N, C-alpha and C. Protein backbone atom coordinates (compact mmCIF):
# COMPACT_ATOMS: atom_id res chain seq x y z
N THR A 1 -16.24 -4.18 8.03
CA THR A 1 -16.14 -3.86 9.62
C THR A 1 -15.98 -2.59 10.16
N MET A 2 -16.52 -2.07 11.21
CA MET A 2 -16.25 -0.77 11.88
C MET A 2 -14.70 -0.37 12.09
N THR A 3 -14.09 -1.34 12.51
CA THR A 3 -12.72 -1.07 12.82
C THR A 3 -11.95 -0.72 11.58
N LYS A 4 -12.25 -1.52 10.40
CA LYS A 4 -11.83 -1.29 9.09
C LYS A 4 -12.10 0.41 8.68
N ARG A 5 -13.37 0.63 8.94
CA ARG A 5 -13.74 2.03 8.43
C ARG A 5 -13.13 3.01 9.12
N GLN A 6 -12.82 2.85 10.87
CA GLN A 6 -12.32 3.67 11.45
C GLN A 6 -10.80 3.92 11.03
N LYS A 7 -10.29 2.87 10.92
CA LYS A 7 -8.76 2.63 10.41
C LYS A 7 -8.71 3.58 9.31
N ARG A 8 -9.73 3.71 8.31
CA ARG A 8 -9.45 4.48 7.02
C ARG A 8 -9.94 5.94 7.16
N SER A 9 -10.17 6.36 8.20
CA SER A 9 -10.90 7.63 8.42
C SER A 9 -9.83 8.71 8.52
N SER A 10 -8.48 8.53 8.22
CA SER A 10 -7.73 9.64 8.14
C SER A 10 -7.60 9.99 6.87
N VAL A 11 -6.91 11.33 6.78
CA VAL A 11 -6.67 12.04 5.33
C VAL A 11 -5.60 11.13 4.74
N ILE A 12 -6.01 10.66 3.43
CA ILE A 12 -4.82 9.87 2.87
C ILE A 12 -4.60 10.87 1.44
N ALA A 13 -3.50 10.62 0.78
CA ALA A 13 -2.81 11.19 -0.32
C ALA A 13 -3.77 10.45 -1.70
N PRO A 14 -3.85 11.39 -2.73
CA PRO A 14 -4.48 10.85 -3.75
C PRO A 14 -3.87 9.67 -4.46
N ALA A 15 -2.63 9.70 -4.46
CA ALA A 15 -1.86 8.45 -4.99
C ALA A 15 -2.17 7.10 -4.33
N GLN A 16 -2.31 7.49 -3.04
CA GLN A 16 -2.56 6.07 -2.12
C GLN A 16 -4.04 5.67 -2.64
N VAL A 17 -5.06 6.56 -2.55
CA VAL A 17 -6.35 6.06 -2.73
C VAL A 17 -6.57 5.72 -4.20
N LEU A 18 -5.98 6.18 -5.24
CA LEU A 18 -6.01 5.66 -6.56
C LEU A 18 -5.43 4.33 -6.78
N THR A 19 -4.27 3.91 -5.81
CA THR A 19 -3.74 2.59 -5.85
C THR A 19 -4.85 1.35 -5.20
N ARG A 20 -5.51 2.03 -4.23
CA ARG A 20 -6.45 1.16 -3.69
C ARG A 20 -7.79 0.75 -4.76
N ILE A 21 -8.09 1.95 -5.26
CA ILE A 21 -9.18 2.08 -6.35
C ILE A 21 -8.94 0.88 -7.47
N ARG A 22 -7.70 1.07 -7.72
CA ARG A 22 -7.23 0.26 -8.92
C ARG A 22 -7.09 -1.14 -8.49
N GLN A 23 -6.99 -1.47 -7.29
CA GLN A 23 -6.77 -2.84 -6.66
C GLN A 23 -8.22 -3.42 -6.38
N GLY A 24 -9.23 -2.47 -6.87
CA GLY A 24 -10.64 -3.00 -6.45
C GLY A 24 -10.89 -2.95 -5.12
N ASP A 25 -10.33 -2.17 -4.16
CA ASP A 25 -10.51 -1.96 -2.72
C ASP A 25 -11.18 -0.87 -2.49
N LEU A 26 -12.51 -1.07 -2.58
CA LEU A 26 -13.35 0.24 -2.60
C LEU A 26 -14.13 0.44 -1.14
N SER A 27 -14.42 1.51 -0.84
CA SER A 27 -15.13 1.95 0.54
C SER A 27 -16.51 2.43 0.02
N PRO A 28 -17.44 2.45 1.06
CA PRO A 28 -18.84 2.99 0.69
C PRO A 28 -19.04 4.40 0.62
N LEU A 29 -17.82 5.12 1.37
CA LEU A 29 -17.92 6.61 1.56
C LEU A 29 -16.62 7.14 1.34
N TYR A 30 -16.48 8.34 0.35
CA TYR A 30 -15.39 8.99 0.20
C TYR A 30 -15.72 10.53 0.24
N PHE A 31 -14.64 11.36 0.52
CA PHE A 31 -14.76 12.87 0.76
C PHE A 31 -13.59 13.44 -0.01
N PHE A 32 -13.56 13.92 -1.05
CA PHE A 32 -12.77 14.35 -1.83
C PHE A 32 -12.67 15.97 -1.84
N HIS A 33 -11.79 16.56 -1.06
CA HIS A 33 -11.98 17.97 -0.87
C HIS A 33 -10.45 18.83 -1.19
N GLY A 34 -10.42 20.11 -1.64
CA GLY A 34 -9.43 20.88 -2.01
C GLY A 34 -9.33 21.39 -3.35
N THR A 35 -8.43 22.34 -3.39
CA THR A 35 -8.76 23.19 -4.76
C THR A 35 -8.12 22.91 -5.91
N GLU A 36 -7.35 21.42 -5.90
CA GLU A 36 -6.58 21.17 -7.22
C GLU A 36 -7.80 20.15 -7.84
N ASP A 37 -8.15 20.96 -8.98
CA ASP A 37 -9.51 19.84 -9.75
C ASP A 37 -8.96 18.99 -10.60
N LEU A 38 -7.97 19.03 -11.26
CA LEU A 38 -7.40 18.15 -12.17
C LEU A 38 -7.34 16.78 -11.61
N GLU A 39 -6.69 16.72 -10.51
CA GLU A 39 -6.45 15.35 -9.87
C GLU A 39 -7.78 14.81 -9.23
N LYS A 40 -8.49 15.65 -8.68
CA LYS A 40 -9.69 15.25 -8.14
C LYS A 40 -10.70 14.70 -9.15
N GLU A 41 -10.54 15.39 -10.31
CA GLU A 41 -11.69 14.78 -11.55
C GLU A 41 -11.10 13.45 -11.77
N GLU A 42 -9.68 13.39 -11.86
CA GLU A 42 -9.23 12.04 -12.38
C GLU A 42 -9.55 10.97 -11.53
N VAL A 43 -9.22 11.06 -10.26
CA VAL A 43 -9.41 10.29 -9.17
C VAL A 43 -11.06 9.71 -9.20
N LEU A 44 -11.88 10.78 -9.15
CA LEU A 44 -13.29 10.40 -9.13
C LEU A 44 -13.72 9.67 -10.41
N LYS A 45 -13.18 9.92 -11.47
CA LYS A 45 -13.32 9.23 -12.84
C LYS A 45 -12.69 7.75 -12.72
N ALA A 46 -11.68 7.41 -11.90
CA ALA A 46 -11.03 6.17 -11.76
C ALA A 46 -12.23 5.39 -10.72
N LEU A 47 -12.57 6.20 -9.84
CA LEU A 47 -13.55 5.54 -8.79
C LEU A 47 -14.88 5.08 -9.48
N ILE A 48 -15.41 5.91 -10.38
CA ILE A 48 -16.65 5.68 -11.10
C ILE A 48 -16.28 4.54 -11.97
N ASP A 49 -15.26 4.21 -12.69
CA ASP A 49 -14.70 3.08 -13.51
C ASP A 49 -14.65 1.90 -12.61
N ALA A 50 -14.35 1.93 -11.65
CA ALA A 50 -14.00 0.88 -10.70
C ALA A 50 -15.17 0.56 -10.06
N ALA A 51 -16.06 1.38 -9.85
CA ALA A 51 -17.47 1.11 -9.14
C ALA A 51 -18.50 0.52 -9.89
N VAL A 52 -18.63 1.12 -11.11
CA VAL A 52 -19.80 0.98 -11.79
C VAL A 52 -19.48 0.43 -13.19
N ASP A 53 -20.07 -0.69 -13.46
CA ASP A 53 -19.86 -1.23 -14.73
C ASP A 53 -20.66 -0.41 -15.95
N PRO A 54 -19.61 -0.06 -17.07
CA PRO A 54 -20.21 0.65 -18.16
C PRO A 54 -21.60 0.29 -18.67
N ALA A 55 -21.87 -1.04 -18.55
CA ALA A 55 -23.03 -1.43 -19.36
C ALA A 55 -24.21 -1.04 -18.56
N THR A 56 -24.05 -1.00 -17.09
CA THR A 56 -25.24 -0.60 -16.55
C THR A 56 -25.22 0.75 -15.82
N ARG A 57 -24.30 1.51 -16.27
CA ARG A 57 -23.97 2.94 -15.74
C ARG A 57 -25.29 3.78 -15.65
N ALA A 58 -26.13 3.88 -16.90
CA ALA A 58 -27.53 4.52 -16.96
C ALA A 58 -28.17 4.39 -15.89
N PHE A 59 -28.31 3.37 -15.24
CA PHE A 59 -28.94 2.98 -14.19
C PHE A 59 -28.41 3.29 -12.66
N ASN A 60 -27.01 3.06 -12.82
CA ASN A 60 -26.57 2.82 -11.42
C ASN A 60 -25.52 3.80 -11.01
N LEU A 61 -25.51 5.07 -11.75
CA LEU A 61 -24.69 6.21 -11.58
C LEU A 61 -25.51 7.49 -11.52
N ASP A 62 -25.51 8.33 -10.55
CA ASP A 62 -25.84 9.62 -10.37
C ASP A 62 -25.08 10.49 -9.92
N VAL A 63 -24.88 11.56 -10.85
CA VAL A 63 -23.92 12.75 -10.39
C VAL A 63 -24.79 13.94 -10.18
N LEU A 64 -24.91 14.30 -8.98
CA LEU A 64 -25.67 15.47 -8.45
C LEU A 64 -24.82 16.56 -7.79
N HIS A 65 -25.50 17.81 -8.07
CA HIS A 65 -24.89 19.12 -7.81
C HIS A 65 -25.36 19.76 -6.58
N ALA A 66 -24.56 20.11 -5.67
CA ALA A 66 -25.04 20.90 -4.36
C ALA A 66 -26.10 21.91 -4.81
N GLU A 67 -26.03 22.79 -5.84
CA GLU A 67 -26.69 24.08 -6.08
C GLU A 67 -28.23 23.82 -6.11
N ASP A 68 -28.24 22.51 -6.89
CA ASP A 68 -29.81 22.18 -7.15
C ASP A 68 -30.12 20.86 -6.56
N LEU A 69 -29.62 20.56 -5.41
CA LEU A 69 -29.83 19.20 -4.84
C LEU A 69 -31.17 18.96 -4.18
N ASP A 70 -31.87 18.06 -4.44
CA ASP A 70 -32.97 17.52 -3.69
C ASP A 70 -32.57 16.49 -2.66
N VAL A 71 -32.40 16.85 -1.24
CA VAL A 71 -31.78 15.96 -0.59
C VAL A 71 -32.28 14.43 -0.32
N ALA A 72 -33.87 14.74 -0.18
CA ALA A 72 -34.51 13.42 -0.02
C ALA A 72 -34.38 12.61 -1.35
N ASP A 73 -34.37 13.36 -2.55
CA ASP A 73 -34.13 12.42 -3.70
C ASP A 73 -32.76 11.92 -3.69
N ALA A 74 -31.67 12.56 -3.24
CA ALA A 74 -30.46 12.08 -3.16
C ALA A 74 -30.33 11.01 -2.15
N VAL A 75 -30.94 10.96 -1.17
CA VAL A 75 -30.93 9.82 -0.27
C VAL A 75 -31.71 8.58 -0.88
N ASN A 76 -32.73 8.85 -1.24
CA ASN A 76 -33.35 7.75 -2.10
C ASN A 76 -32.69 7.08 -2.95
N ARG A 77 -31.84 7.99 -3.93
CA ARG A 77 -30.88 7.44 -5.11
C ARG A 77 -29.65 6.45 -4.24
N ALA A 78 -29.29 6.81 -3.23
CA ALA A 78 -28.07 6.37 -2.58
C ALA A 78 -28.68 5.03 -1.91
N SER A 79 -29.81 4.99 -1.36
CA SER A 79 -30.43 3.92 -0.71
C SER A 79 -31.06 2.77 -1.64
N ALA A 80 -31.21 3.25 -3.03
CA ALA A 80 -31.75 2.32 -3.96
C ALA A 80 -30.68 1.06 -4.13
N PHE A 81 -31.37 -0.05 -4.36
CA PHE A 81 -30.66 -1.33 -4.80
C PHE A 81 -30.02 -0.95 -6.09
N PRO A 82 -28.80 -1.54 -6.60
CA PRO A 82 -28.33 -1.31 -8.10
C PRO A 82 -29.00 -2.34 -8.88
N MET A 83 -29.09 -2.07 -10.15
CA MET A 83 -29.93 -2.72 -11.08
C MET A 83 -28.97 -3.43 -11.90
N MET A 84 -29.19 -4.82 -11.92
CA MET A 84 -28.17 -5.70 -12.78
C MET A 84 -26.69 -5.59 -12.59
N ALA A 85 -26.43 -5.36 -11.20
CA ALA A 85 -25.06 -5.05 -10.97
C ALA A 85 -24.81 -5.22 -9.33
N ALA A 86 -23.61 -5.31 -8.93
CA ALA A 86 -23.06 -5.34 -7.46
C ALA A 86 -23.48 -4.29 -6.78
N ARG A 87 -23.36 -3.02 -7.45
CA ARG A 87 -23.17 -1.84 -6.62
C ARG A 87 -23.76 -0.74 -7.48
N ARG A 88 -24.12 0.53 -6.85
CA ARG A 88 -24.51 1.68 -7.71
C ARG A 88 -23.62 2.81 -7.14
N MET A 89 -23.40 3.94 -7.70
CA MET A 89 -22.70 5.05 -7.13
C MET A 89 -23.56 6.46 -7.29
N VAL A 90 -23.38 7.08 -6.05
CA VAL A 90 -23.79 8.60 -6.26
C VAL A 90 -22.80 9.38 -5.82
N VAL A 91 -22.64 10.57 -6.62
CA VAL A 91 -21.74 11.42 -6.48
C VAL A 91 -22.39 12.95 -5.97
N ILE A 92 -22.23 13.61 -5.19
CA ILE A 92 -22.63 14.92 -4.90
C ILE A 92 -21.49 15.86 -4.78
N LYS A 93 -21.60 17.03 -5.69
CA LYS A 93 -20.38 17.62 -6.17
C LYS A 93 -20.58 19.10 -5.42
N ARG A 94 -19.53 19.60 -4.93
CA ARG A 94 -19.47 20.96 -4.16
C ARG A 94 -20.42 21.04 -2.95
N VAL A 95 -20.48 20.08 -2.06
CA VAL A 95 -21.28 20.12 -0.76
C VAL A 95 -20.99 21.05 0.00
N GLU A 96 -19.94 21.96 -0.17
CA GLU A 96 -19.94 23.23 0.87
C GLU A 96 -20.87 24.31 0.31
N ARG A 97 -21.50 24.15 -0.84
CA ARG A 97 -22.60 24.90 -1.10
C ARG A 97 -24.03 24.54 -0.67
N LEU A 98 -24.12 23.73 0.24
CA LEU A 98 -25.33 23.30 0.69
C LEU A 98 -25.69 24.06 1.84
N VAL A 99 -26.87 24.54 2.32
CA VAL A 99 -27.22 25.30 3.25
C VAL A 99 -27.29 24.28 4.53
N GLU A 100 -26.64 24.74 5.80
CA GLU A 100 -26.46 23.83 6.78
C GLU A 100 -27.68 22.95 7.26
N LEU A 101 -28.64 23.45 7.23
CA LEU A 101 -30.09 22.56 7.42
C LEU A 101 -30.13 21.61 6.36
N THR A 102 -29.88 21.80 5.28
CA THR A 102 -30.04 21.00 4.20
C THR A 102 -29.01 19.78 4.36
N ALA A 103 -27.82 20.31 4.61
CA ALA A 103 -26.64 19.43 4.80
C ALA A 103 -26.96 18.41 6.00
N ASP A 104 -27.36 18.76 6.92
CA ASP A 104 -27.65 17.83 8.03
C ASP A 104 -28.61 16.71 7.70
N GLU A 105 -29.41 16.79 6.78
CA GLU A 105 -30.42 15.93 6.34
C GLU A 105 -29.49 14.64 5.60
N LEU A 106 -28.38 14.88 5.29
CA LEU A 106 -27.58 13.93 4.70
C LEU A 106 -26.85 12.75 5.67
N LEU A 107 -26.74 13.54 6.99
CA LEU A 107 -26.17 12.94 8.04
C LEU A 107 -26.38 11.16 8.25
N PRO A 108 -27.53 11.01 8.32
CA PRO A 108 -27.87 9.48 8.28
C PRO A 108 -27.19 8.52 7.35
N LEU A 109 -27.19 9.03 6.12
CA LEU A 109 -26.69 8.52 4.93
C LEU A 109 -24.92 8.52 5.32
N ILE A 110 -24.37 9.46 5.88
CA ILE A 110 -22.91 9.58 6.08
C ILE A 110 -22.56 8.61 7.08
N GLN A 111 -23.39 8.41 8.34
CA GLN A 111 -23.20 7.67 9.45
C GLN A 111 -23.38 6.14 9.04
N ALA A 112 -24.19 5.82 8.17
CA ALA A 112 -24.38 4.47 7.71
C ALA A 112 -24.61 4.43 6.53
N PRO A 113 -23.49 4.40 5.52
CA PRO A 113 -23.78 4.17 3.98
C PRO A 113 -24.10 2.96 3.67
N PRO A 114 -25.13 2.95 2.84
CA PRO A 114 -25.46 1.53 2.26
C PRO A 114 -24.31 0.61 1.66
N GLU A 115 -24.36 -0.69 2.06
CA GLU A 115 -23.32 -1.65 1.51
C GLU A 115 -23.23 -1.67 0.13
N THR A 116 -24.28 -1.51 -0.76
CA THR A 116 -24.28 -1.74 -1.95
C THR A 116 -24.08 -0.42 -2.83
N THR A 117 -23.75 0.70 -2.13
CA THR A 117 -23.63 1.86 -2.69
C THR A 117 -21.97 2.61 -2.51
N VAL A 118 -21.58 2.96 -3.46
CA VAL A 118 -20.45 3.99 -3.19
C VAL A 118 -20.85 5.42 -3.19
N LEU A 119 -20.79 6.01 -2.17
CA LEU A 119 -21.18 7.74 -2.09
C LEU A 119 -19.78 8.39 -2.09
N ALA A 120 -19.85 9.54 -2.95
CA ALA A 120 -18.58 10.42 -2.92
C ALA A 120 -19.16 11.63 -2.94
N LEU A 121 -18.55 12.49 -2.00
CA LEU A 121 -18.99 13.76 -1.76
C LEU A 121 -17.75 14.65 -2.01
N THR A 122 -17.92 15.88 -2.80
CA THR A 122 -16.68 16.69 -3.12
C THR A 122 -16.68 17.94 -2.65
N ALA A 123 -15.71 18.52 -2.25
CA ALA A 123 -15.83 20.15 -1.89
C ALA A 123 -14.45 20.88 -2.10
N GLU A 124 -14.56 22.18 -2.47
CA GLU A 124 -13.35 22.83 -2.57
C GLU A 124 -12.69 23.14 -1.23
N THR A 125 -13.51 24.12 -0.45
CA THR A 125 -13.04 24.25 0.71
C THR A 125 -14.25 23.83 1.66
N PHE A 126 -13.94 23.60 3.11
CA PHE A 126 -15.11 23.21 3.91
C PHE A 126 -14.76 23.96 5.45
N ASP A 127 -15.70 23.84 6.31
CA ASP A 127 -15.58 24.40 7.55
C ASP A 127 -15.67 23.04 8.42
N GLY A 128 -14.76 22.57 8.95
CA GLY A 128 -14.66 21.37 9.81
C GLY A 128 -15.60 21.46 10.97
N ARG A 129 -16.01 22.68 11.31
CA ARG A 129 -16.78 22.76 12.69
C ARG A 129 -18.25 22.47 12.33
N LYS A 130 -18.73 22.29 11.11
CA LYS A 130 -20.07 22.03 10.57
C LYS A 130 -20.22 20.45 10.72
N LYS A 131 -21.32 20.09 10.94
CA LYS A 131 -21.97 18.72 11.29
C LYS A 131 -21.35 17.78 10.36
N LEU A 132 -21.78 18.22 9.27
CA LEU A 132 -21.46 17.48 7.82
C LEU A 132 -19.99 17.10 7.45
N PHE A 133 -19.26 18.17 7.82
CA PHE A 133 -17.72 18.14 7.51
C PHE A 133 -17.07 17.19 8.81
N ALA A 134 -17.58 17.46 9.88
CA ALA A 134 -17.15 16.72 11.15
C ALA A 134 -17.29 15.18 10.62
N HIS A 135 -18.61 14.87 10.48
CA HIS A 135 -18.92 13.40 10.21
C HIS A 135 -18.14 12.69 8.98
N LEU A 136 -18.01 13.69 8.01
CA LEU A 136 -17.34 13.01 6.73
C LEU A 136 -15.84 12.76 7.13
N ARG A 137 -15.20 13.58 7.99
CA ARG A 137 -13.99 13.43 8.22
C ARG A 137 -13.60 12.39 9.12
N LYS A 138 -14.79 11.94 9.88
CA LYS A 138 -14.75 10.69 10.78
C LYS A 138 -15.04 9.54 10.06
N CYS A 139 -15.96 9.40 9.12
CA CYS A 139 -16.55 8.35 8.53
C CYS A 139 -16.02 7.97 7.24
N ALA A 140 -15.68 8.98 6.47
CA ALA A 140 -15.40 8.87 4.89
C ALA A 140 -13.94 8.55 4.83
N VAL A 141 -13.41 7.90 3.46
CA VAL A 141 -12.25 7.91 3.24
C VAL A 141 -11.88 9.43 2.81
N SER A 142 -11.05 10.07 3.41
CA SER A 142 -11.03 11.55 3.08
C SER A 142 -9.63 11.87 2.55
N VAL A 143 -9.74 12.46 1.25
CA VAL A 143 -8.69 12.80 0.36
C VAL A 143 -8.64 14.14 0.04
N GLU A 144 -7.27 14.87 0.33
CA GLU A 144 -7.04 16.12 0.10
C GLU A 144 -6.37 16.34 -1.11
N PHE A 145 -6.94 17.15 -1.96
CA PHE A 145 -6.26 17.64 -3.31
C PHE A 145 -5.83 18.93 -3.20
N ARG A 146 -4.57 19.35 -3.20
CA ARG A 146 -4.09 20.53 -3.23
C ARG A 146 -3.23 20.76 -4.27
N PRO A 147 -2.95 22.09 -4.85
CA PRO A 147 -2.02 22.25 -5.78
C PRO A 147 -0.63 21.95 -5.27
N PRO A 148 0.17 21.27 -5.95
CA PRO A 148 1.66 20.86 -5.49
C PRO A 148 2.38 22.38 -5.20
N TYR A 149 3.32 22.24 -4.50
CA TYR A 149 4.09 23.46 -3.98
C TYR A 149 5.15 23.59 -5.10
N GLU A 150 5.50 24.89 -5.47
CA GLU A 150 6.67 25.11 -6.15
C GLU A 150 7.81 24.09 -6.51
N ASN A 151 8.25 23.72 -5.25
CA ASN A 151 9.27 22.79 -5.30
C ASN A 151 9.08 21.44 -5.44
N GLU A 152 7.57 20.86 -5.50
CA GLU A 152 7.40 19.80 -5.82
C GLU A 152 6.96 19.62 -7.16
N ILE A 153 6.96 20.62 -8.28
CA ILE A 153 6.61 20.55 -9.58
C ILE A 153 7.33 19.89 -10.24
N PRO A 154 8.82 19.76 -10.22
CA PRO A 154 9.29 18.91 -10.95
C PRO A 154 9.13 17.35 -11.05
N GLU A 155 9.09 17.07 -9.52
CA GLU A 155 8.81 15.59 -9.24
C GLU A 155 7.22 15.49 -9.97
N TRP A 156 6.17 16.24 -9.85
CA TRP A 156 4.92 16.12 -10.36
C TRP A 156 5.17 16.04 -11.75
N ILE A 157 5.84 16.75 -12.51
CA ILE A 157 6.18 16.55 -14.04
C ILE A 157 6.65 15.05 -14.50
N ARG A 158 7.52 14.88 -13.61
CA ARG A 158 8.22 13.55 -13.90
C ARG A 158 7.30 12.48 -13.90
N ARG A 159 6.43 12.55 -12.75
CA ARG A 159 5.40 11.50 -12.64
C ARG A 159 4.40 11.24 -13.67
N ARG A 160 3.96 12.62 -14.05
CA ARG A 160 2.95 12.73 -14.96
C ARG A 160 3.39 12.16 -16.25
N ALA A 161 4.60 12.68 -16.66
CA ALA A 161 5.34 12.24 -18.07
C ALA A 161 5.29 10.45 -17.82
N GLU A 162 5.62 9.91 -16.87
CA GLU A 162 5.76 8.58 -16.72
C GLU A 162 4.33 8.00 -16.70
N SER A 163 3.35 8.54 -16.41
CA SER A 163 1.88 8.10 -16.60
C SER A 163 1.52 7.85 -17.99
N THR A 164 1.96 8.71 -18.90
CA THR A 164 1.89 8.64 -20.54
C THR A 164 3.10 7.83 -20.90
N GLY A 165 3.94 7.16 -20.11
CA GLY A 165 4.80 6.02 -20.78
C GLY A 165 6.30 6.81 -21.11
N LYS A 166 6.47 8.03 -20.92
CA LYS A 166 7.60 8.52 -21.07
C LYS A 166 8.56 9.01 -20.02
N ARG A 167 9.85 9.03 -20.34
CA ARG A 167 10.87 9.69 -19.31
C ARG A 167 11.08 11.06 -19.85
N ILE A 168 11.26 11.88 -18.97
CA ILE A 168 11.63 13.24 -19.22
C ILE A 168 12.85 13.86 -18.55
N GLU A 169 13.67 14.23 -19.62
CA GLU A 169 15.18 14.91 -19.04
C GLU A 169 14.94 15.89 -18.27
N PRO A 170 15.99 16.12 -16.99
CA PRO A 170 15.79 17.10 -16.27
C PRO A 170 15.82 18.39 -16.82
N GLU A 171 16.54 18.73 -17.74
CA GLU A 171 16.48 19.73 -18.62
C GLU A 171 15.28 20.31 -19.27
N ALA A 172 14.48 19.37 -19.62
CA ALA A 172 13.44 19.36 -20.37
C ALA A 172 12.19 19.75 -19.03
N VAL A 173 12.39 19.09 -17.88
CA VAL A 173 11.60 19.47 -16.75
C VAL A 173 11.76 20.87 -16.36
N HIS A 174 12.96 21.22 -16.22
CA HIS A 174 13.13 22.60 -16.02
C HIS A 174 12.55 23.76 -16.72
N LEU A 175 12.67 23.50 -18.11
CA LEU A 175 12.17 24.41 -18.95
C LEU A 175 10.63 24.37 -19.11
N LEU A 176 10.06 23.35 -18.93
CA LEU A 176 8.56 23.09 -19.03
C LEU A 176 8.13 23.84 -17.87
N HIS A 177 8.72 23.92 -16.60
CA HIS A 177 8.24 24.49 -15.32
C HIS A 177 8.41 25.86 -15.50
N ILE A 178 9.50 26.49 -16.04
CA ILE A 178 9.73 27.85 -16.14
C ILE A 178 8.88 28.52 -17.43
N SER A 179 8.44 27.49 -18.21
CA SER A 179 7.64 28.18 -19.38
C SER A 179 6.27 28.28 -19.16
N VAL A 180 5.66 27.23 -18.41
CA VAL A 180 4.34 26.85 -18.27
C VAL A 180 3.84 27.21 -16.89
N GLY A 181 4.63 27.40 -15.86
CA GLY A 181 4.33 27.75 -14.60
C GLY A 181 3.95 26.51 -13.64
N ALA A 182 2.93 26.77 -12.81
CA ALA A 182 2.88 25.69 -11.73
C ALA A 182 1.49 25.09 -11.61
N GLN A 183 0.69 25.54 -12.55
CA GLN A 183 -0.89 25.05 -12.69
C GLN A 183 -0.69 23.54 -13.20
N PRO A 184 -1.36 22.56 -12.60
CA PRO A 184 -1.41 21.15 -13.02
C PRO A 184 -2.08 21.03 -14.31
N ARG A 185 -3.09 21.83 -14.36
CA ARG A 185 -4.04 21.63 -15.51
C ARG A 185 -3.26 21.86 -17.03
N ASP A 186 -2.59 23.01 -16.74
CA ASP A 186 -1.61 23.66 -17.91
C ASP A 186 -0.48 22.75 -18.23
N LEU A 187 0.01 22.13 -17.23
CA LEU A 187 1.21 21.37 -17.34
C LEU A 187 0.69 20.07 -18.09
N ALA A 188 -0.30 19.30 -17.47
CA ALA A 188 -0.90 18.12 -18.17
C ALA A 188 -1.09 18.25 -19.66
N ASN A 189 -1.71 19.53 -19.93
CA ASN A 189 -1.92 19.81 -21.44
C ASN A 189 -0.88 19.79 -22.09
N GLU A 190 0.31 20.45 -21.74
CA GLU A 190 1.49 20.51 -22.38
C GLU A 190 2.11 19.11 -22.54
N LEU A 191 1.96 18.19 -21.47
CA LEU A 191 2.66 16.89 -21.58
C LEU A 191 1.75 16.20 -22.41
N GLU A 192 0.65 16.12 -22.66
CA GLU A 192 -0.13 15.57 -23.46
C GLU A 192 0.32 15.76 -25.01
N LYS A 193 0.51 17.12 -25.11
CA LYS A 193 0.99 17.44 -26.52
C LYS A 193 2.47 16.76 -26.70
N LEU A 194 3.03 16.95 -25.71
CA LEU A 194 4.54 16.51 -26.00
C LEU A 194 4.58 14.96 -26.03
N ALA A 195 3.69 14.06 -25.48
CA ALA A 195 3.67 12.83 -25.79
C ALA A 195 3.28 12.39 -27.12
N VAL A 196 2.37 13.22 -27.97
CA VAL A 196 1.93 13.03 -29.28
C VAL A 196 3.27 13.45 -29.81
N HIS A 197 3.85 14.36 -29.76
CA HIS A 197 4.89 14.91 -30.65
C HIS A 197 6.06 13.80 -30.51
N THR A 198 6.14 13.15 -29.28
CA THR A 198 7.53 12.36 -29.38
C THR A 198 7.02 10.76 -29.54
N VAL A 199 5.75 10.34 -30.10
CA VAL A 199 5.37 9.21 -30.34
C VAL A 199 6.43 8.28 -31.14
N GLY A 200 6.56 7.05 -30.73
CA GLY A 200 7.63 6.40 -31.16
C GLY A 200 8.99 6.55 -30.48
N ARG A 201 9.13 7.67 -29.54
CA ARG A 201 10.18 7.78 -28.65
C ARG A 201 9.85 7.59 -27.15
N LYS A 202 10.77 7.04 -26.58
CA LYS A 202 10.64 7.01 -24.99
C LYS A 202 10.86 8.27 -23.99
N THR A 203 11.69 9.17 -24.80
CA THR A 203 12.27 10.34 -23.88
C THR A 203 11.79 11.70 -24.28
N ILE A 204 11.38 12.61 -23.44
CA ILE A 204 11.22 13.92 -23.89
C ILE A 204 12.33 14.75 -23.73
N THR A 205 12.87 15.32 -24.50
CA THR A 205 14.00 16.30 -24.44
C THR A 205 13.82 17.81 -24.47
N ARG A 206 14.74 18.44 -23.92
CA ARG A 206 14.58 19.85 -24.11
C ARG A 206 14.26 20.62 -25.31
N ASP A 207 14.85 19.85 -26.42
CA ASP A 207 14.28 20.50 -27.76
C ASP A 207 13.00 20.18 -27.97
N ASP A 208 12.26 19.17 -27.49
CA ASP A 208 11.07 18.87 -27.83
C ASP A 208 10.12 20.04 -27.08
N VAL A 209 10.58 20.19 -25.78
CA VAL A 209 9.87 21.17 -25.05
C VAL A 209 9.83 22.59 -25.66
N GLU A 210 11.00 22.75 -26.34
CA GLU A 210 11.17 24.10 -26.95
C GLU A 210 10.24 24.18 -28.29
N GLN A 211 10.20 23.10 -28.96
CA GLN A 211 9.25 22.94 -30.09
C GLN A 211 7.75 23.00 -29.70
N VAL A 212 7.42 22.40 -28.86
CA VAL A 212 5.88 22.07 -28.62
C VAL A 212 5.56 23.24 -27.71
N VAL A 213 6.22 23.64 -26.83
CA VAL A 213 5.62 24.85 -25.79
C VAL A 213 6.10 26.15 -26.46
N GLY A 214 7.00 26.29 -27.38
CA GLY A 214 7.39 27.36 -27.94
C GLY A 214 8.18 28.40 -26.81
N ALA A 215 9.04 27.43 -25.90
CA ALA A 215 9.81 28.31 -25.09
C ALA A 215 10.86 29.07 -25.61
């Protein structure tokens, strides 16, 4: 219903949208924006996994890029009925690169997304005064992906370690932070290595960080 969609049109946090997606609570329209690519890609992948059955993905998933977008084709794909499945999905990446006239051709789709399609648009930065983005912010589930602030990094490391099934000691968190820096992708890579290094154990220690990161 429209009230449900209006209620969802405020910007929500990545963790919140991920919870909804994993519960199978999907919306017809998503707008993922911001400069933090790692989490954006992960949430987009979770959305694709939830929306499109792997068995029919070849027919029901289109990932398009703004640089070489044929808008009429994109609208047709988003308006098409799913094949042998409940829904199809269309992703349009980096929509800030669309020329404004071209972008405006997407407006009918944004204002009335088809019920059997999940449409996800991504952008790094955007100008909220432009029609496309004004409508996306109004109609879509809008999710901002920003790099964590320096003081949020320890909590980010703890959460990320937990997602690999590990506890990480405070001293290990501190050492990882000062050794690797604040880039989520770099930290995620090191935490993956640490998860492998500590296989069979629940806790990542300062010694583990010293060995793996070479701190």
